[in-house]
């Protein structure tokens, strides 16, 4: 027997957090009865409906690391018929991206049907690092670099402490290449952090997600994670 929200997440329907939300909203039925209590124990033999659709039985977990190209949306579908990140991974298994990258941001993106791992990786309390390389307009001053490290105000809330260092300065082009490591995942966070200190972002790439990098992957290419990498991600998120 397992908790209902865990069974839903393991089916690949959604993350555990989203499953909890659906349960409390009365959108889940078990053996014909609406269940709203979190933590209700069920088995894989029970008949479970979510939003009126029967839940598929437990499926094999898949884990893809995609080198997301520019001009692709990080969603399962798009109302404007733009390419989504799911267009780059195999069809047949219901999967979803772990977190988001902006339309014009490139780099490391994890795609999976493992709701439990997704929930662990995206929660800021677990301090899973995301490493970005930003090309910004202007020569970044040392005092402004310190602001990034100690936190800046975006959307009326201070960002958590981060790691930051200058990788390259191009005085002729008036640009700076900066490495920024954060563990939060707020909307457009990296761009807003630089904008808050007066440096517009010209190009942005997520170079690492936890320990995963896109080394060896061309833009638009993906690879499957091996079992050691999956276990390491769980360990990183549960530290």
C-alpha atoms as a PDB file:
ATOM      1  CA  UNK A   1       0.000   0.000   0.000  1.00  0.00           C
ATOM      2  CA  UNK A   2       1.186   3.496  -0.847  1.00  0.00           C
ATOM      3  CA  UNK A   3      -0.035   7.037  -0.318  1.00  0.00           C
ATOM      4  CA  UNK A   4      -2.519   8.072  -2.998  1.00  0.00           C
ATOM      5  CA  UNK A   5      -0.501  11.104  -4.118  1.00  0.00           C
ATOM      6  CA  UNK A   6       2.583   8.917  -4.555  1.00  0.00           C
ATOM      7  CA  UNK A   7       0.680   6.406  -6.716  1.00  0.00           C
ATOM      8  CA  UNK A   8      -0.601   9.244  -8.925  1.00  0.00           C
ATOM      9  CA  UNK A   9       2.890  10.700  -9.290  1.00  0.00           C
ATOM     10  CA  UNK A  10       4.439   7.312 -10.038  1.00  0.00           C
ATOM     11  CA  UNK A  11       1.899   6.745 -12.797  1.00  0.00           C
ATOM     12  CA  UNK A  12       3.422   9.692 -14.611  1.00  0.00           C
ATOM     13  CA  UNK A  13       0.195  11.728 -14.498  1.00  0.00           C
ATOM     14  CA  UNK A  14       1.749  14.690 -12.653  1.00  0.00           C
ATOM     15  CA  UNK A  15       4.111  15.610  -9.835  1.00  0.00           C
ATOM     16  CA  UNK A  16       3.308  14.635  -6.251  1.00  0.00           C
ATOM     17  CA  UNK A  17       2.649  18.257  -5.314  1.00  0.00           C
ATOM     18  CA  UNK A  18       0.128  18.611  -8.141  1.00  0.00           C
ATOM     19  CA  UNK A  19      -1.441  15.280  -7.134  1.00  0.00           C
ATOM     20  CA  UNK A  20      -1.944  16.588  -3.584  1.00  0.00           C
ATOM     21  CA  UNK A  21      -3.653  19.664  -5.000  1.00  0.00           C
ATOM     22  CA  UNK A  22      -5.988  17.550  -7.135  1.00  0.00           C
ATOM     23  CA  UNK A  23      -6.887  15.344  -4.168  1.00  0.00           C
ATOM     24  CA  UNK A  24      -7.796  18.292  -1.916  1.00  0.00           C
ATOM     25  CA  UNK A  25      -9.899  19.776  -4.738  1.00  0.00           C
ATOM     26  CA  UNK A  26     -11.951  16.559  -4.925  1.00  0.00           C
ATOM     27  CA  UNK A  27     -10.705  15.654  -8.392  1.00  0.00           C
ATOM     28  CA  UNK A  28      -9.652  12.104  -7.473  1.00  0.00           C
ATOM     29  CA  UNK A  29     -11.834   9.003  -7.114  1.00  0.00           C
ATOM     30  CA  UNK A  30     -10.728   5.658  -5.717  1.00  0.00           C
ATOM     31  CA  UNK A  31     -13.005   2.703  -6.482  1.00  0.00           C
ATOM     32  CA  UNK A  32     -15.840   5.082  -7.330  1.00  0.00           C
ATOM     33  CA  UNK A  33     -15.545   7.311  -4.233  1.00  0.00           C
ATOM     34  CA  UNK A  34     -14.104  10.818  -4.077  1.00  0.00           C
ATOM     35  CA  UNK A  35     -11.057  10.976  -1.802  1.00  0.00           C
ATOM     36  CA  UNK A  36      -9.926  14.338  -0.393  1.00  0.00           C
ATOM     37  CA  UNK A  37      -7.742  13.214   2.506  1.00  0.00           C
ATOM     38  CA  UNK A  38      -4.015  13.410   1.840  1.00  0.00           C
ATOM     39  CA  UNK A  39      -2.126  10.304   2.850  1.00  0.00           C
ATOM     40  CA  UNK A  40      -4.950   7.901   2.044  1.00  0.00           C
ATOM     41  CA  UNK A  41      -3.377   4.481   1.400  1.00  0.00           C
ATOM     42  CA  UNK A  42      -4.192   2.676  -1.830  1.00  0.00           C
ATOM     43  CA  UNK A  43      -2.700  -0.091  -3.949  1.00  0.00           C
ATOM     44  CA  UNK A  44      -1.952  -0.443  -7.633  1.00  0.00           C
ATOM     45  CA  UNK A  45      -4.922  -2.787  -7.875  1.00  0.00           C
ATOM     46  CA  UNK A  46      -7.389  -0.028  -6.923  1.00  0.00           C
ATOM     47  CA  UNK A  47      -9.261   1.793  -9.683  1.00  0.00           C
ATOM     48  CA  UNK A  48      -8.231   5.444  -9.586  1.00  0.00           C
ATOM     49  CA  UNK A  49      -9.723   8.269 -11.640  1.00  0.00           C
ATOM     50  CA  UNK A  50      -8.104  11.712 -11.845  1.00  0.00           C
ATOM     51  CA  UNK A  51     -10.100  14.525 -13.454  1.00  0.00           C
ATOM     52  CA  UNK A  52     -12.477  11.910 -14.825  1.00  0.00           C
ATOM     53  CA  UNK A  53      -9.752   9.838 -16.471  1.00  0.00           C
ATOM     54  CA  UNK A  54      -8.701   6.407 -15.323  1.00  0.00           C
ATOM     55  CA  UNK A  55      -5.156   6.325 -14.031  1.00  0.00           C
ATOM     56  CA  UNK A  56      -2.852   4.027 -15.936  1.00  0.00           C
ATOM     57  CA  UNK A  57      -0.988   1.394 -14.002  1.00  0.00           C
ATOM     58  CA  UNK A  58       2.529   2.018 -12.789  1.00  0.00           C
ATOM     59  CA  UNK A  59       4.868   2.560 -15.727  1.00  0.00           C
ATOM     60  CA  UNK A  60       8.604   2.296 -16.073  1.00  0.00           C
ATOM     61  CA  UNK A  61      10.452   5.442 -15.151  1.00  0.00           C
ATOM     62  CA  UNK A  62      12.342   7.282 -17.864  1.00  0.00           C
ATOM     63  CA  UNK A  63      14.850  10.090 -17.440  1.00  0.00           C
ATOM     64  CA  UNK A  64      16.087  12.260 -20.313  1.00  0.00           C
ATOM     65  CA  UNK A  65      18.627  15.074 -20.239  1.00  0.00           C
ATOM     66  CA  UNK A  66      17.950  17.496 -23.095  1.00  0.00           C
ATOM     67  CA  UNK A  67      20.195  20.262 -24.391  1.00  0.00           C
ATOM     68  CA  UNK A  68      17.304  22.659 -24.924  1.00  0.00           C
ATOM     69  CA  UNK A  69      17.573  24.793 -28.059  1.00  0.00           C
ATOM     70  CA  UNK A  70      16.664  28.469 -28.263  1.00  0.00           C
ATOM     71  CA  UNK A  71      13.124  29.220 -29.438  1.00  0.00           C
ATOM     72  CA  UNK A  72      11.470  26.215 -27.783  1.00  0.00           C
ATOM     73  CA  UNK A  73       8.861  26.352 -25.002  1.00  0.00           C
ATOM     74  CA  UNK A  74       9.206  24.281 -21.825  1.00  0.00           C
ATOM     75  CA  UNK A  75       5.662  22.897 -21.767  1.00  0.00           C
ATOM     76  CA  UNK A  76       3.863  19.744 -22.807  1.00  0.00           C
ATOM     77  CA  UNK A  77       1.873  21.597 -25.490  1.00  0.00           C
ATOM     78  CA  UNK A  78       1.608  25.111 -26.868  1.00  0.00           C
ATOM     79  CA  UNK A  79      -1.492  27.015 -27.962  1.00  0.00           C
ATOM     80  CA  UNK A  80       0.552  28.899 -30.583  1.00  0.00           C
ATOM     81  CA  UNK A  81       1.797  25.644 -32.116  1.00  0.00           C
ATOM     82  CA  UNK A  82       5.417  26.372 -31.252  1.00  0.00           C
ATOM     83  CA  UNK A  83       7.886  23.552 -30.718  1.00  0.00           C
ATOM     84  CA  UNK A  84       8.008  22.214 -27.155  1.00  0.00           C
ATOM     85  CA  UNK A  85      10.797  20.379 -25.358  1.00  0.00           C
ATOM     86  CA  UNK A  86       8.778  17.157 -25.629  1.00  0.00           C
ATOM     87  CA  UNK A  87       9.206  17.265 -29.409  1.00  0.00           C
ATOM     88  CA  UNK A  88      12.857  16.328 -28.863  1.00  0.00           C
ATOM     89  CA  UNK A  89      12.419  13.169 -26.762  1.00  0.00           C
ATOM     90  CA  UNK A  90      10.845   9.791 -27.642  1.00  0.00           C
ATOM     91  CA  UNK A  91       7.069   9.556 -27.827  1.00  0.00           C
ATOM     92  CA  UNK A  92       4.996   6.908 -26.101  1.00  0.00           C
ATOM     93  CA  UNK A  93       5.556   7.665 -22.428  1.00  0.00           C
ATOM     94  CA  UNK A  94       3.874  10.555 -20.638  1.00  0.00           C
ATOM     95  CA  UNK A  95       6.745  12.755 -19.467  1.00  0.00           C
ATOM     96  CA  UNK A  96       7.149  16.370 -18.387  1.00  0.00           C
ATOM     97  CA  UNK A  97       9.987  18.845 -17.858  1.00  0.00           C
ATOM     98  CA  UNK A  98      11.485  19.353 -14.395  1.00  0.00           C
ATOM     99  CA  UNK A  99      11.126  23.101 -13.917  1.00  0.00           C
ATOM    100  CA  UNK A 100      11.287  25.573 -16.785  1.00  0.00           C
ATOM    101  CA  UNK A 101      13.690  27.313 -19.095  1.00  0.00           C
ATOM    102  CA  UNK A 102      12.610  30.466 -20.905  1.00  0.00           C
ATOM    103  CA  UNK A 103      11.796  30.422 -24.628  1.00  0.00           C
ATOM    104  CA  UNK A 104      15.165  31.979 -25.501  1.00  0.00           C
ATOM    105  CA  UNK A 105      17.214  30.186 -22.808  1.00  0.00           C
ATOM    106  CA  UNK A 106      19.236  27.134 -23.762  1.00  0.00           C
ATOM    107  CA  UNK A 107      20.909  24.274 -21.930  1.00  0.00           C
ATOM    108  CA  UNK A 108      20.382  21.441 -19.472  1.00  0.00           C
ATOM    109  CA  UNK A 109      16.773  20.371 -18.926  1.00  0.00           C
ATOM    110  CA  UNK A 110      15.667  17.162 -17.227  1.00  0.00           C
ATOM    111  CA  UNK A 111      12.536  15.457 -18.590  1.00  0.00           C
ATOM    112  CA  UNK A 112      10.949  12.511 -16.775  1.00  0.00           C
ATOM    113  CA  UNK A 113       7.785  10.778 -15.610  1.00  0.00           C
ATOM    114  CA  UNK A 114       9.120  10.372 -12.057  1.00  0.00           C
ATOM    115  CA  UNK A 115       6.862  12.650 -10.020  1.00  0.00           C
ATOM    116  CA  UNK A 116       8.611  11.929  -6.741  1.00  0.00           C
ATOM    117  CA  UNK A 117      12.016  12.951  -8.073  1.00  0.00           C
ATOM    118  CA  UNK A 118      10.536  16.006  -9.783  1.00  0.00           C
ATOM    119  CA  UNK A 119       9.029  17.193  -6.520  1.00  0.00           C
ATOM    120  CA  UNK A 120      12.350  16.758  -4.706  1.00  0.00           C
ATOM    121  CA  UNK A 121      14.366  18.544  -7.371  1.00  0.00           C
ATOM    122  CA  UNK A 122      12.189  21.626  -7.776  1.00  0.00           C
ATOM    123  CA  UNK A 123      11.609  22.349  -4.075  1.00  0.00           C
ATOM    124  CA  UNK A 124      13.970  25.165  -2.986  1.00  0.00           C
ATOM    125  CA  UNK A 125      14.443  23.675   0.487  1.00  0.00           C
ATOM    126  CA  UNK A 126      16.475  20.852  -1.084  1.00  0.00           C
ATOM    127  CA  UNK A 127      19.082  23.270  -2.470  1.00  0.00           C
ATOM    128  CA  UNK A 128      19.535  21.577  -5.837  1.00  0.00           C
ATOM    129  CA  UNK A 129      21.941  23.824  -7.737  1.00  0.00           C
ATOM    130  CA  UNK A 130      21.348  25.181 -11.226  1.00  0.00           C
ATOM    131  CA  UNK A 131      24.359  26.732 -12.954  1.00  0.00           C
ATOM    132  CA  UNK A 132      23.829  29.409 -15.597  1.00  0.00           C
ATOM    133  CA  UNK A 133      26.170  31.241 -17.942  1.00  0.00           C
ATOM    134  CA  UNK A 134      24.854  34.723 -18.760  1.00  0.00           C
ATOM    135  CA  UNK A 135      26.168  37.155 -21.324  1.00  0.00           C
ATOM    136  CA  UNK A 136      25.174  40.558 -20.036  1.00  0.00           C
ATOM    137  CA  UNK A 137      25.317  44.076 -21.399  1.00  0.00           C
ATOM    138  CA  UNK A 138      27.908  46.191 -19.609  1.00  0.00           C
ATOM    139  CA  UNK A 139      31.037  45.570 -17.537  1.00  0.00           C
ATOM    140  CA  UNK A 140      29.947  43.979 -14.258  1.00  0.00           C
ATOM    141  CA  UNK A 141      31.349  45.838 -11.258  1.00  0.00           C
ATOM    142  CA  UNK A 142      32.662  43.975  -8.217  1.00  0.00           C
ATOM    143  CA  UNK A 143      30.088  45.574  -5.903  1.00  0.00           C
ATOM    144  CA  UNK A 144      27.288  44.432  -8.223  1.00  0.00           C
ATOM    145  CA  UNK A 145      28.706  40.910  -8.302  1.00  0.00           C
ATOM    146  CA  UNK A 146      28.480  40.924  -4.503  1.00  0.00           C
ATOM    147  CA  UNK A 147      24.822  41.923  -4.733  1.00  0.00           C
ATOM    148  CA  UNK A 148      24.090  38.811  -6.798  1.00  0.00           C
ATOM    149  CA  UNK A 149      25.882  36.673  -4.230  1.00  0.00           C
ATOM    150  CA  UNK A 150      24.054  38.095  -1.220  1.00  0.00           C
ATOM    151  CA  UNK A 151      20.647  38.409  -2.884  1.00  0.00           C
ATOM    152  CA  UNK A 152      18.676  41.067  -4.748  1.00  0.00           C
ATOM    153  CA  UNK A 153      15.017  42.070  -4.658  1.00  0.00           C
ATOM    154  CA  UNK A 154      12.878  40.728  -7.483  1.00  0.00           C
ATOM    155  CA  UNK A 155       9.084  40.659  -7.431  1.00  0.00           C
ATOM    156  CA  UNK A 156       9.175  42.253  -3.948  1.00  0.00           C
ATOM    157  CA  UNK A 157      11.165  39.374  -2.479  1.00  0.00           C
ATOM    158  CA  UNK A 158      14.882  38.919  -1.915  1.00  0.00           C
ATOM    159  CA  UNK A 159      16.585  36.069  -3.714  1.00  0.00           C
ATOM    160  CA  UNK A 160      18.456  33.457  -1.711  1.00  0.00           C
ATOM    161  CA  UNK A 161      22.267  33.643  -1.490  1.00  0.00           C
ATOM    162  CA  UNK A 162      23.913  32.524  -4.724  1.00  0.00           C
ATOM    163  CA  UNK A 163      27.333  31.819  -6.156  1.00  0.00           C
ATOM    164  CA  UNK A 164      28.629  34.122  -8.875  1.00  0.00           C
ATOM    165  CA  UNK A 165      31.875  34.798 -10.681  1.00  0.00           C
ATOM    166  CA  UNK A 166      33.015  36.688 -13.749  1.00  0.00           C
ATOM    167  CA  UNK A 167      34.253  34.384 -16.517  1.00  0.00           C
ATOM    168  CA  UNK A 168      35.164  36.938 -19.167  1.00  0.00           C
ATOM    169  CA  UNK A 169      35.054  40.683 -19.797  1.00  0.00           C
ATOM    170  CA  UNK A 170      34.926  42.108 -23.318  1.00  0.00           C
ATOM    171  CA  UNK A 171      35.558  45.839 -23.007  1.00  0.00           C
ATOM    172  CA  UNK A 172      35.377  46.382 -26.753  1.00  0.00           C
ATOM    173  CA  UNK A 173      31.897  44.838 -26.991  1.00  0.00           C
ATOM    174  CA  UNK A 174      30.939  46.173 -23.526  1.00  0.00           C
ATOM    175  CA  UNK A 175      29.792  42.751 -22.313  1.00  0.00           C
ATOM    176  CA  UNK A 176      30.520  40.409 -19.410  1.00  0.00           C
ATOM    177  CA  UNK A 177      30.205  36.644 -19.210  1.00  0.00           C
ATOM    178  CA  UNK A 178      29.028  35.608 -15.742  1.00  0.00           C
ATOM    179  CA  UNK A 179      28.550  32.217 -14.070  1.00  0.00           C
ATOM    180  CA  UNK A 180      25.610  32.250 -11.643  1.00  0.00           C
ATOM    181  CA  UNK A 181      24.622  29.307  -9.439  1.00  0.00           C
ATOM    182  CA  UNK A 182      21.169  29.371  -7.802  1.00  0.00           C
ATOM    183  CA  UNK A 183      18.925  26.762  -6.193  1.00  0.00           C
ATOM    184  CA  UNK A 184      15.605  28.579  -6.429  1.00  0.00           C
ATOM    185  CA  UNK A 185      13.434  28.381  -9.537  1.00  0.00           C
ATOM    186  CA  UNK A 186      11.418  31.578  -9.602  1.00  0.00           C
ATOM    187  CA  UNK A 187       9.890  32.864 -12.835  1.00  0.00           C
ATOM    188  CA  UNK A 188      12.574  34.404 -15.103  1.00  0.00           C
ATOM    189  CA  UNK A 189      14.769  34.558 -12.009  1.00  0.00           C
ATOM    190  CA  UNK A 190      18.229  34.882 -13.549  1.00  0.00           C
ATOM    191  CA  UNK A 191      17.200  37.594 -16.006  1.00  0.00           C
ATOM    192  CA  UNK A 192      15.404  39.510 -13.270  1.00  0.00           C
ATOM    193  CA  UNK A 193      18.407  39.271 -10.935  1.00  0.00           C
ATOM    194  CA  UNK A 194      20.670  40.899 -13.513  1.00  0.00           C
ATOM    195  CA  UNK A 195      18.026  43.465 -14.458  1.00  0.00           C
ATOM    196  CA  UNK A 196      17.659  44.370 -10.767  1.00  0.00           C
ATOM    197  CA  UNK A 197      21.281  45.524 -10.717  1.00  0.00           C
ATOM    198  CA  UNK A 198      21.154  47.211 -14.110  1.00  0.00           C
ATOM    199  CA  UNK A 199      22.594  44.648 -16.518  1.00  0.00           C
ATOM    200  CA  UNK A 200      20.268  43.314 -19.253  1.00  0.00           C
ATOM    201  CA  UNK A 201      20.837  39.673 -20.214  1.00  0.00           C
ATOM    202  CA  UNK A 202      21.741  39.169 -23.865  1.00  0.00           C
ATOM    203  CA  UNK A 203      22.149  35.375 -23.864  1.00  0.00           C
ATOM    204  CA  UNK A 204      21.476  32.762 -21.209  1.00  0.00           C
ATOM    205  CA  UNK A 205      22.376  29.101 -20.940  1.00  0.00           C
ATOM    206  CA  UNK A 206      21.826  26.634 -18.118  1.00  0.00           C
ATOM    207  CA  UNK A 207      25.173  24.868 -18.060  1.00  0.00           C
ATOM    208  CA  UNK A 208      24.418  22.411 -15.258  1.00  0.00           C
ATOM    209  CA  UNK A 209      21.401  20.974 -13.473  1.00  0.00           C
ATOM    210  CA  UNK A 210      22.803  19.603 -10.221  1.00  0.00           C
ATOM    211  CA  UNK A 211      25.804  17.590 -11.498  1.00  0.00           C
ATOM    212  CA  UNK A 212      24.327  16.999 -14.979  1.00  0.00           C
ATOM    213  CA  UNK A 213      25.879  18.854 -17.915  1.00  0.00           C
ATOM    214  CA  UNK A 214      25.187  19.012 -21.637  1.00  0.00           C
ATOM    215  CA  UNK A 215      28.756  18.056 -22.527  1.00  0.00           C
ATOM    216  CA  UNK A 216      28.620  15.861 -25.629  1.00  0.00           C
ATOM    217  CA  UNK A 217      25.077  16.931 -26.529  1.00  0.00           C
ATOM    218  CA  UNK A 218      24.447  19.219 -29.481  1.00  0.00           C
ATOM    219  CA  UNK A 219      21.551  21.675 -29.309  1.00  0.00           C
ATOM    220  CA  UNK A 220      18.304  19.658 -29.475  1.00  0.00           C
ATOM    221  CA  UNK A 221      19.985  16.369 -28.580  1.00  0.00           C
ATOM    222  CA  UNK A 222      19.135  14.278 -25.519  1.00  0.00           C
ATOM    223  CA  UNK A 223      20.426  11.256 -23.676  1.00  0.00           C
ATOM    224  CA  UNK A 224      18.952   8.874 -21.126  1.00  0.00           C
ATOM    225  CA  UNK A 225      20.289   8.967 -17.580  1.00  0.00           C
ATOM    226  CA  UNK A 226      21.766   5.773 -16.173  1.00  0.00           C
ATOM    227  CA  UNK A 227      20.719   4.277 -12.842  1.00  0.00           C
ATOM    228  CA  UNK A 228      23.771   5.686 -11.050  1.00  0.00           C
ATOM    229  CA  UNK A 229      22.858   9.204 -12.153  1.00  0.00           C
ATOM    230  CA  UNK A 230      19.245   8.770 -11.038  1.00  0.00           C
ATOM    231  CA  UNK A 231      20.344   7.547  -7.610  1.00  0.00           C
ATOM    232  CA  UNK A 232      22.779  10.442  -7.339  1.00  0.00           C
ATOM    233  CA  UNK A 233      19.989  12.921  -8.123  1.00  0.00           C
ATOM    234  CA  UNK A 234      17.864  11.410  -5.345  1.00  0.00           C
ATOM    235  CA  UNK A 235      20.806  11.639  -2.957  1.00  0.00           C
ATOM    236  CA  UNK A 236      21.544  15.239  -3.941  1.00  0.00           C
ATOM    237  CA  UNK A 237      17.922  16.250  -3.369  1.00  0.00           C
ATOM    238  CA  UNK A 238      17.660  14.448  -0.025  1.00  0.00           C
ATOM    239  CA  UNK A 239      20.857  15.829   1.553  1.00  0.00           C
END
